[in-house]
Protein backbone atom coordinates (compact mmCIF):
# COMPACT_ATOMS: atom_id res chain seq x y z
CA SER A 1 -20.32 103.26 31.89
CA GLU A 2 -19.73 105.73 34.44
CA GLU A 3 -16.45 106.15 32.87
CA LYS A 4 -17.92 107.21 30.02
CA LYS A 5 -20.10 109.76 31.12
CA LYS A 6 -17.29 111.21 33.12
CA LYS A 7 -15.44 111.33 29.43
CA LYS A 8 -18.44 113.05 28.11
CA LYS A 9 -18.75 115.41 30.32
CA ARG A 10 -15.17 116.79 30.27
CA GLN A 11 -15.35 117.18 26.54
CA GLU A 12 -18.52 119.33 26.57
CA SER A 13 -18.23 122.88 28.34
CA GLU A 14 -19.61 122.69 31.43
CA GLY A 15 -22.63 125.09 31.04
CA LEU A 16 -23.31 123.54 28.33
CA ALA A 17 -24.22 119.84 30.09
CA SER A 18 -26.20 121.60 32.80
CA LYS A 19 -28.11 123.71 29.95
CA GLU A 20 -28.74 119.61 28.65
CA LYS A 21 -29.83 118.70 31.53
CA THR A 22 -32.66 121.23 32.68
CA ILE A 23 -33.93 120.60 29.11
CA SER A 24 -34.60 116.90 29.12
CA ALA A 25 -36.17 117.01 32.97
CA VAL A 26 -38.51 119.65 31.41
CA GLY A 27 -39.14 117.18 28.24
CA ASP A 28 -39.84 114.80 30.63
CA LYS A 29 -42.22 116.60 32.46
CA GLY A 30 -44.31 117.54 29.49
CA ALA A 31 -44.30 113.63 28.29
CA LYS A 32 -46.13 112.61 31.63
CA VAL A 33 -48.58 115.29 31.49
CA GLU A 34 -49.36 114.60 28.07
CA LYS A 35 -49.59 110.61 29.13
CA LYS A 36 -51.87 111.73 31.66
CA GLN A 37 -54.40 113.32 29.15
CA THR A 38 -54.91 110.81 27.13
CA GLU A 39 -55.61 108.43 29.67
CA ALA A 40 -58.15 110.84 31.08
CA LYS A 41 -59.91 110.78 27.80
CA SER A 42 -59.74 107.14 27.35
CA SER A 43 -61.59 106.37 30.23
CA GLN A 44 -65.35 107.36 29.68
CA SER A 45 -66.16 110.57 31.52
CA ARG A 46 -68.40 113.16 30.48
CA THR A 47 -69.52 116.64 31.63
CA LEU A 48 -72.74 117.68 31.76
CA ASP A 49 -74.27 121.49 30.90
CA ASN A 50 -74.76 122.12 34.24
CA GLY A 51 -71.15 120.73 35.83
CA LEU A 52 -71.68 117.44 36.92
CA ALA A 53 -69.18 115.25 35.69
CA ILE A 54 -69.67 111.59 35.86
CA GLU A 55 -66.89 109.14 34.79
CA GLU A 56 -66.68 105.46 34.11
CA VAL A 57 -64.51 103.94 36.55
CA ALA A 58 -65.49 100.12 36.44
CA LEU A 59 -67.37 98.27 34.68
CA GLY A 60 -70.00 95.58 36.43
CA LYS A 61 -72.00 92.51 34.37
CA PRO A 62 -72.96 93.55 30.96
CA ASN A 63 -76.29 92.10 31.38
CA GLY A 64 -76.38 93.77 35.02
CA LYS A 65 -79.82 95.39 35.94
CA ARG A 66 -79.74 98.83 35.33
CA ALA A 67 -80.52 101.82 37.60
CA SER A 68 -83.92 103.61 36.15
CA PRO A 69 -85.97 106.48 37.56
CA GLY A 70 -88.16 105.34 40.43
CA SER A 71 -86.19 101.94 40.71
CA GLN A 72 -84.85 100.95 44.46
CA VAL A 73 -81.06 101.28 44.64
CA SER A 74 -78.25 99.93 46.76
CA VAL A 75 -74.83 101.83 46.49
CA HIS A 76 -71.46 101.79 48.33
CA TYR A 77 -70.22 105.41 48.45
CA ILE A 78 -67.23 107.14 49.92
CA GLY A 79 -67.72 111.56 49.46
CA LYS A 80 -65.00 113.61 49.13
CA LEU A 81 -64.87 117.55 49.33
CA GLN A 82 -63.39 118.65 46.01
CA LYS A 83 -61.05 120.94 46.99
CA ASN A 84 -59.00 119.20 49.58
CA GLY A 85 -60.08 115.29 48.88
CA LYS A 86 -61.12 115.53 52.79
CA ILE A 87 -63.71 112.41 53.13
CA PHE A 88 -66.92 113.54 54.47
CA ASP A 89 -69.14 110.62 54.53
CA SER A 90 -68.64 106.90 54.03
CA ASN A 91 -70.78 103.70 53.59
CA VAL A 92 -67.73 100.77 52.57
CA GLY A 93 -67.74 98.05 54.27
CA LYS A 94 -71.39 98.95 55.77
CA ARG A 95 -74.63 97.99 54.79
CA PRO A 96 -75.60 99.50 51.59
CA PHE A 97 -76.83 102.42 51.48
CA LYS A 98 -81.27 102.12 49.60
CA PHE A 99 -82.91 104.88 48.02
CA ARG A 100 -85.45 105.29 45.27
CA LEU A 101 -83.52 106.84 41.95
CA GLY A 102 -85.07 110.48 40.43
CA VAL A 103 -87.61 111.27 43.24
CA GLY A 104 -85.36 113.79 44.97
CA GLU A 105 -84.72 111.76 48.01
CA VAL A 106 -80.96 111.82 47.50
CA ILE A 107 -79.00 115.20 45.91
CA LYS A 108 -80.14 115.95 42.38
CA GLY A 109 -76.24 114.99 41.40
CA TRP A 110 -76.86 111.34 42.86
CA ASP A 111 -80.40 111.17 41.04
CA VAL A 112 -78.77 112.39 37.35
CA GLY A 113 -75.33 110.46 38.18
CA VAL A 114 -76.60 107.31 39.19
CA ASN A 115 -78.79 106.73 36.44
CA GLY A 116 -78.14 104.47 34.09
CA MET A 117 -75.77 102.68 36.11
CA ARG A 118 -75.32 98.46 36.13
CA VAL A 119 -74.93 96.75 38.99
CA GLY A 120 -71.19 96.42 39.55
CA ASP A 121 -70.53 99.93 37.85
CA LYS A 122 -68.44 101.87 39.94
CA ARG A 123 -68.45 105.39 38.84
CA ARG A 124 -66.90 108.90 40.30
CA LEU A 125 -69.43 111.61 40.61
CA THR A 126 -68.45 115.45 40.67
CA ILE A 127 -71.11 117.33 41.66
CA PRO A 128 -71.40 121.11 41.48
CA PRO A 129 -72.62 123.08 44.75
CA SER A 130 -75.80 123.56 42.56
CA MET A 131 -76.70 119.72 42.52
CA GLY A 132 -75.27 119.15 45.75
CA TYR A 133 -75.88 120.99 48.86
CA GLY A 134 -75.99 124.71 47.33
CA ALA A 135 -75.31 127.81 49.81
CA LYS A 136 -76.67 126.62 52.38
CA GLY A 137 -73.85 123.63 52.47
CA ALA A 138 -74.75 120.43 55.07
CA GLY A 139 -73.63 120.01 58.46
CA PRO A 140 -70.20 120.74 59.97
CA LYS A 141 -68.62 118.43 57.23
CA ILE A 142 -69.86 120.31 53.90
CA PRO A 143 -69.15 123.79 53.60
CA PRO A 144 -71.51 126.19 51.74
CA ASN A 145 -71.28 126.12 47.97
CA ALA A 146 -68.55 122.96 48.11
CA TRP A 147 -68.21 120.88 44.94
CA LEU A 148 -68.18 117.63 46.30
CA MET A 149 -66.34 114.20 44.78
CA PHE A 150 -68.26 110.86 45.21
CA ASP A 151 -66.87 107.46 44.08
CA VAL A 152 -70.21 105.21 44.13
CA GLU A 153 -70.70 101.27 43.27
CA LEU A 154 -74.03 100.52 42.22
CA VAL A 155 -74.35 96.91 44.44
CA ASP A 156 -78.46 96.39 43.35
CA VAL A 157 -81.35 97.61 41.67
CA ARG A 158 -84.98 96.47 42.70
């Protein structure tokens, strides 16, 4: 087939051959981009009016207990800054983090975003500053007005 390629190249003018290459390269990229969009659509993700985005990454047991306001939930999580993907907090491999849902013990993005999860579910929450740490930020790792991304896995509900 290497011989055929050389022959074909000789037959076509050099300019035409390079033009075709460019077109096919662009075409390939375009196809890849479209594929990504379809994949994103098929995974369940929704964005609420306030900017909070909730994406279902993995589903736990269909009959798993659901997190609802007032229940005590245990979660494993990884928190990253959205703009650079820098991890600012994680308890993966450690003891699960427990909090009472819907009573303001955690940032608003969590109170809203964890609600309705079942034990074993994993969600990615993209949290706007208004539902995170706002204009103040938090500690040295979370700057003011930061958008946050949390990968959260619901371990237990009481």
